[in-house]
Amino acid sequence: MEKTLWTQIRKKLNNFFIQRIETQIERGIPDVHYVTYGGHSGWLEGKYVKTPKRRKTKIKVGLSIEQIAWHKSYEFYGGKVFVLIKKDRDVYLFYGKDGEELAKGVSFEDFEKLSICKDWNNIKNYLENN
């Protein structure tokens, strides 16, 4: 995850316990582990995308096969993992299980529909309560 997104996560989710994870040993592990004051915890995989110039061009998120597999497995066992995507100036939250579809590419409309929520306040509220 790029340094600026990590900085934004720390700033915007400032009342969470947040730990950045950097490992070369186990591929696919998300970038950040978090725990809220209320005990909700999970993982965040941070990604950047740019809005395509043409409206019909699909938005593709750079998730590796290992990341997609890790997210699916973790959610299968009841864990919470999300993909946090910064698109231009906006930020969106997605379920980890949707990573494969995001990696293959989705239309702008489907990108919006797939997202759980948009903007830092809504994302923070969602993570605090789920």
C-alpha atoms as a PDB file:
ATOM      1  CA  MET A   1       0.000   0.000   0.000  1.00  0.00           C
ATOM      2  CA  GLU A   2       1.325   3.391  -0.851  1.00  0.00           C
ATOM      3  CA  LYS A   3       2.522   5.533   2.004  1.00  0.00           C
ATOM      4  CA  THR A   4      -0.063   8.283   1.509  1.00  0.00           C
ATOM      5  CA  LEU A   5      -3.003   5.865   1.833  1.00  0.00           C
ATOM      6  CA  TRP A   6      -1.474   4.440   5.032  1.00  0.00           C
ATOM      7  CA  THR A   7      -1.174   8.002   6.372  1.00  0.00           C
ATOM      8  CA  GLN A   8      -4.819   8.668   5.534  1.00  0.00           C
ATOM      9  CA  ILE A   9      -5.949   5.455   7.240  1.00  0.00           C
ATOM     10  CA  ARG A  10      -4.101   6.428  10.438  1.00  0.00           C
ATOM     11  CA  LYS A  11      -5.551   9.941  10.322  1.00  0.00           C
ATOM     12  CA  LYS A  12      -9.145   9.058   9.410  1.00  0.00           C
ATOM     13  CA  LEU A  13      -9.465   5.948  11.615  1.00  0.00           C
ATOM     14  CA  ASN A  14      -7.681   7.656  14.489  1.00  0.00           C
ATOM     15  CA  ASN A  15      -9.649   6.041  17.309  1.00  0.00           C
ATOM     16  CA  PHE A  16      -8.909   2.484  16.100  1.00  0.00           C
ATOM     17  CA  PHE A  17      -5.985   0.289  17.081  1.00  0.00           C
ATOM     18  CA  ILE A  18      -4.231  -0.015  13.731  1.00  0.00           C
ATOM     19  CA  GLN A  19      -1.224  -2.131  12.824  1.00  0.00           C
ATOM     20  CA  ARG A  20       0.428  -2.005   9.431  1.00  0.00           C
ATOM     21  CA  ILE A  21       1.649  -5.415   8.304  1.00  0.00           C
ATOM     22  CA  GLU A  22       4.538  -5.832   5.922  1.00  0.00           C
ATOM     23  CA  THR A  23       5.553  -9.399   5.235  1.00  0.00           C
ATOM     24  CA  GLN A  24       7.327 -11.158   2.421  1.00  0.00           C
ATOM     25  CA  ILE A  25       6.858 -14.552   4.067  1.00  0.00           C
ATOM     26  CA  GLU A  26       3.137 -15.073   3.555  1.00  0.00           C
ATOM     27  CA  ARG A  27       1.851 -13.625   0.317  1.00  0.00           C
ATOM     28  CA  GLY A  28      -1.698 -12.305   0.250  1.00  0.00           C
ATOM     29  CA  ILE A  29      -1.969 -10.969   3.798  1.00  0.00           C
ATOM     30  CA  PRO A  30      -3.654  -7.538   3.779  1.00  0.00           C
ATOM     31  CA  ASP A  31      -1.801  -4.318   4.602  1.00  0.00           C
ATOM     32  CA  VAL A  32      -3.523  -3.302   7.822  1.00  0.00           C
ATOM     33  CA  HIS A  33      -5.112  -5.000  10.836  1.00  0.00           C
ATOM     34  CA  TYR A  34      -7.558  -2.922  12.881  1.00  0.00           C
ATOM     35  CA  VAL A  35      -9.563  -3.196  16.101  1.00  0.00           C
ATOM     36  CA  THR A  36     -12.221  -0.690  17.115  1.00  0.00           C
ATOM     37  CA  TYR A  37     -12.901   0.426  20.671  1.00  0.00           C
ATOM     38  CA  GLY A  38     -16.030  -1.765  20.614  1.00  0.00           C
ATOM     39  CA  GLY A  39     -14.014  -4.858  19.694  1.00  0.00           C
ATOM     40  CA  HIS A  40     -14.790  -5.112  15.997  1.00  0.00           C
ATOM     41  CA  SER A  41     -11.697  -6.194  14.120  1.00  0.00           C
ATOM     42  CA  GLY A  42     -10.588  -7.079  10.649  1.00  0.00           C
ATOM     43  CA  TRP A  43      -8.146  -6.503   7.840  1.00  0.00           C
ATOM     44  CA  LEU A  44      -7.858  -3.774   5.207  1.00  0.00           C
ATOM     45  CA  GLU A  45      -6.174  -4.119   1.835  1.00  0.00           C
ATOM     46  CA  GLY A  46      -5.490  -0.667   0.439  1.00  0.00           C
ATOM     47  CA  LYS A  47      -5.422   0.030  -3.290  1.00  0.00           C
ATOM     48  CA  TYR A  48      -5.355   3.000  -5.624  1.00  0.00           C
ATOM     49  CA  VAL A  49      -7.181   3.169  -8.958  1.00  0.00           C
ATOM     50  CA  LYS A  50      -7.755   5.940 -11.461  1.00  0.00           C
ATOM     51  CA  THR A  51     -11.044   6.572 -13.162  1.00  0.00           C
ATOM     52  CA  PRO A  52     -10.703   5.479 -16.785  1.00  0.00           C
ATOM     53  CA  LYS A  53     -10.928   8.225 -19.394  1.00  0.00           C
ATOM     54  CA  ARG A  54     -13.742   6.420 -21.216  1.00  0.00           C
ATOM     55  CA  ARG A  55     -16.904   5.681 -19.267  1.00  0.00           C
ATOM     56  CA  LYS A  56     -17.157   2.199 -20.835  1.00  0.00           C
ATOM     57  CA  THR A  57     -13.629   1.175 -19.824  1.00  0.00           C
ATOM     58  CA  LYS A  58     -13.678  -1.173 -16.838  1.00  0.00           C
ATOM     59  CA  ILE A  59     -12.101  -0.213 -13.534  1.00  0.00           C
ATOM     60  CA  LYS A  60      -9.502  -2.846 -12.593  1.00  0.00           C
ATOM     61  CA  VAL A  61      -8.036  -3.166  -9.118  1.00  0.00           C
ATOM     62  CA  GLY A  62      -4.514  -4.567  -8.809  1.00  0.00           C
ATOM     63  CA  LEU A  63      -5.159  -7.516  -6.521  1.00  0.00           C
ATOM     64  CA  SER A  64      -2.918 -10.564  -6.812  1.00  0.00           C
ATOM     65  CA  ILE A  65      -4.172 -14.139  -6.988  1.00  0.00           C
ATOM     66  CA  GLU A  66      -2.706 -14.694  -3.514  1.00  0.00           C
ATOM     67  CA  GLN A  67      -4.584 -11.689  -2.099  1.00  0.00           C
ATOM     68  CA  ILE A  68      -7.860 -12.813  -3.657  1.00  0.00           C
ATOM     69  CA  ALA A  69      -7.420 -16.338  -2.275  1.00  0.00           C
ATOM     70  CA  TRP A  70      -6.464 -15.056   1.198  1.00  0.00           C
ATOM     71  CA  HIS A  71      -9.511 -12.761   1.340  1.00  0.00           C
ATOM     72  CA  LYS A  72     -11.897 -15.531   0.267  1.00  0.00           C
ATOM     73  CA  SER A  73     -10.452 -18.025   2.749  1.00  0.00           C
ATOM     74  CA  TYR A  74     -10.457 -15.572   5.641  1.00  0.00           C
ATOM     75  CA  GLU A  75     -14.074 -14.582   5.015  1.00  0.00           C
ATOM     76  CA  PHE A  76     -15.080 -18.241   4.572  1.00  0.00           C
ATOM     77  CA  TYR A  77     -14.019 -18.850   8.186  1.00  0.00           C
ATOM     78  CA  GLY A  78     -15.915 -15.811   9.455  1.00  0.00           C
ATOM     79  CA  GLY A  79     -13.158 -13.208   9.466  1.00  0.00           C
ATOM     80  CA  LYS A  80     -13.604  -9.676   8.217  1.00  0.00           C
ATOM     81  CA  VAL A  81     -11.442  -8.432   5.388  1.00  0.00           C
ATOM     82  CA  PHE A  82     -12.090  -5.409   3.222  1.00  0.00           C
ATOM     83  CA  VAL A  83     -10.565  -3.739   0.211  1.00  0.00           C
ATOM     84  CA  LEU A  84     -10.199   0.002   0.747  1.00  0.00           C
ATOM     85  CA  ILE A  85      -9.918   1.718  -2.610  1.00  0.00           C
ATOM     86  CA  LYS A  86      -8.887   5.291  -3.204  1.00  0.00           C
ATOM     87  CA  LYS A  87     -10.234   6.308  -6.622  1.00  0.00           C
ATOM     88  CA  ASP A  88      -9.073   9.755  -7.554  1.00  0.00           C
ATOM     89  CA  ARG A  89     -10.261  11.838  -4.562  1.00  0.00           C
ATOM     90  CA  ASP A  90     -12.911   9.391  -3.349  1.00  0.00           C
ATOM     91  CA  VAL A  91     -12.486   6.418  -1.037  1.00  0.00           C
ATOM     92  CA  TYR A  92     -14.620   3.258  -1.096  1.00  0.00           C
ATOM     93  CA  LEU A  93     -14.926   0.123   1.028  1.00  0.00           C
ATOM     94  CA  PHE A  94     -15.547  -3.323  -0.490  1.00  0.00           C
ATOM     95  CA  TYR A  95     -15.870  -6.833   0.907  1.00  0.00           C
ATOM     96  CA  GLY A  96     -12.754  -8.926   0.392  1.00  0.00           C
ATOM     97  CA  LYS A  97     -14.853 -11.594  -1.344  1.00  0.00           C
ATOM     98  CA  ASP A  98     -15.483  -9.116  -4.170  1.00  0.00           C
ATOM     99  CA  GLY A  99     -11.745  -8.844  -4.847  1.00  0.00           C
ATOM    100  CA  GLU A 100     -11.788 -11.280  -7.756  1.00  0.00           C
ATOM    101  CA  GLU A 101     -14.514  -9.338  -9.552  1.00  0.00           C
ATOM    102  CA  LEU A 102     -12.693  -6.046  -8.889  1.00  0.00           C
ATOM    103  CA  ALA A 103      -9.432  -7.513 -10.212  1.00  0.00           C
ATOM    104  CA  LYS A 104     -11.111  -8.684 -13.431  1.00  0.00           C
ATOM    105  CA  GLY A 105     -12.628  -5.246 -13.910  1.00  0.00           C
ATOM    106  CA  VAL A 106     -16.046  -3.727 -13.370  1.00  0.00           C
ATOM    107  CA  SER A 107     -17.983  -0.909 -14.971  1.00  0.00           C
ATOM    108  CA  PHE A 108     -18.201   2.421 -13.177  1.00  0.00           C
ATOM    109  CA  GLU A 109     -21.817   1.626 -12.223  1.00  0.00           C
ATOM    110  CA  ASP A 110     -20.920  -1.830 -10.880  1.00  0.00           C
ATOM    111  CA  PHE A 111     -17.990  -0.339  -8.948  1.00  0.00           C
ATOM    112  CA  GLU A 112     -20.435   1.960  -7.165  1.00  0.00           C
ATOM    113  CA  LYS A 113     -22.983  -0.856  -6.601  1.00  0.00           C
ATOM    114  CA  LEU A 114     -20.378  -3.298  -5.235  1.00  0.00           C
ATOM    115  CA  SER A 115     -19.046  -0.824  -2.694  1.00  0.00           C
ATOM    116  CA  ILE A 116     -20.282  -1.156   0.871  1.00  0.00           C
ATOM    117  CA  CYS A 117     -19.905   2.561   1.460  1.00  0.00           C
ATOM    118  CA  LYS A 118     -18.090   5.644   0.275  1.00  0.00           C
ATOM    119  CA  ASP A 119     -16.179   8.407   2.115  1.00  0.00           C
ATOM    120  CA  TRP A 120     -14.144   8.232   5.309  1.00  0.00           C
ATOM    121  CA  ASN A 121     -16.988   9.018   7.745  1.00  0.00           C
ATOM    122  CA  ASN A 122     -19.227   6.261   6.373  1.00  0.00           C
ATOM    123  CA  ILE A 123     -16.328   3.795   6.243  1.00  0.00           C
ATOM    124  CA  LYS A 124     -15.332   4.560   9.833  1.00  0.00           C
ATOM    125  CA  ASN A 125     -18.938   4.194  10.990  1.00  0.00           C
ATOM    126  CA  TYR A 126     -19.337   0.893   9.133  1.00  0.00           C
ATOM    127  CA  LEU A 127     -16.140  -0.617  10.569  1.00  0.00           C
ATOM    128  CA  GLU A 128     -17.056   0.538  14.102  1.00  0.00           C
ATOM    129  CA  ASN A 129     -20.425  -1.204  13.910  1.00  0.00           C
ATOM    130  CA  ASN A 130     -19.700  -4.391  11.959  1.00  0.00           C
END
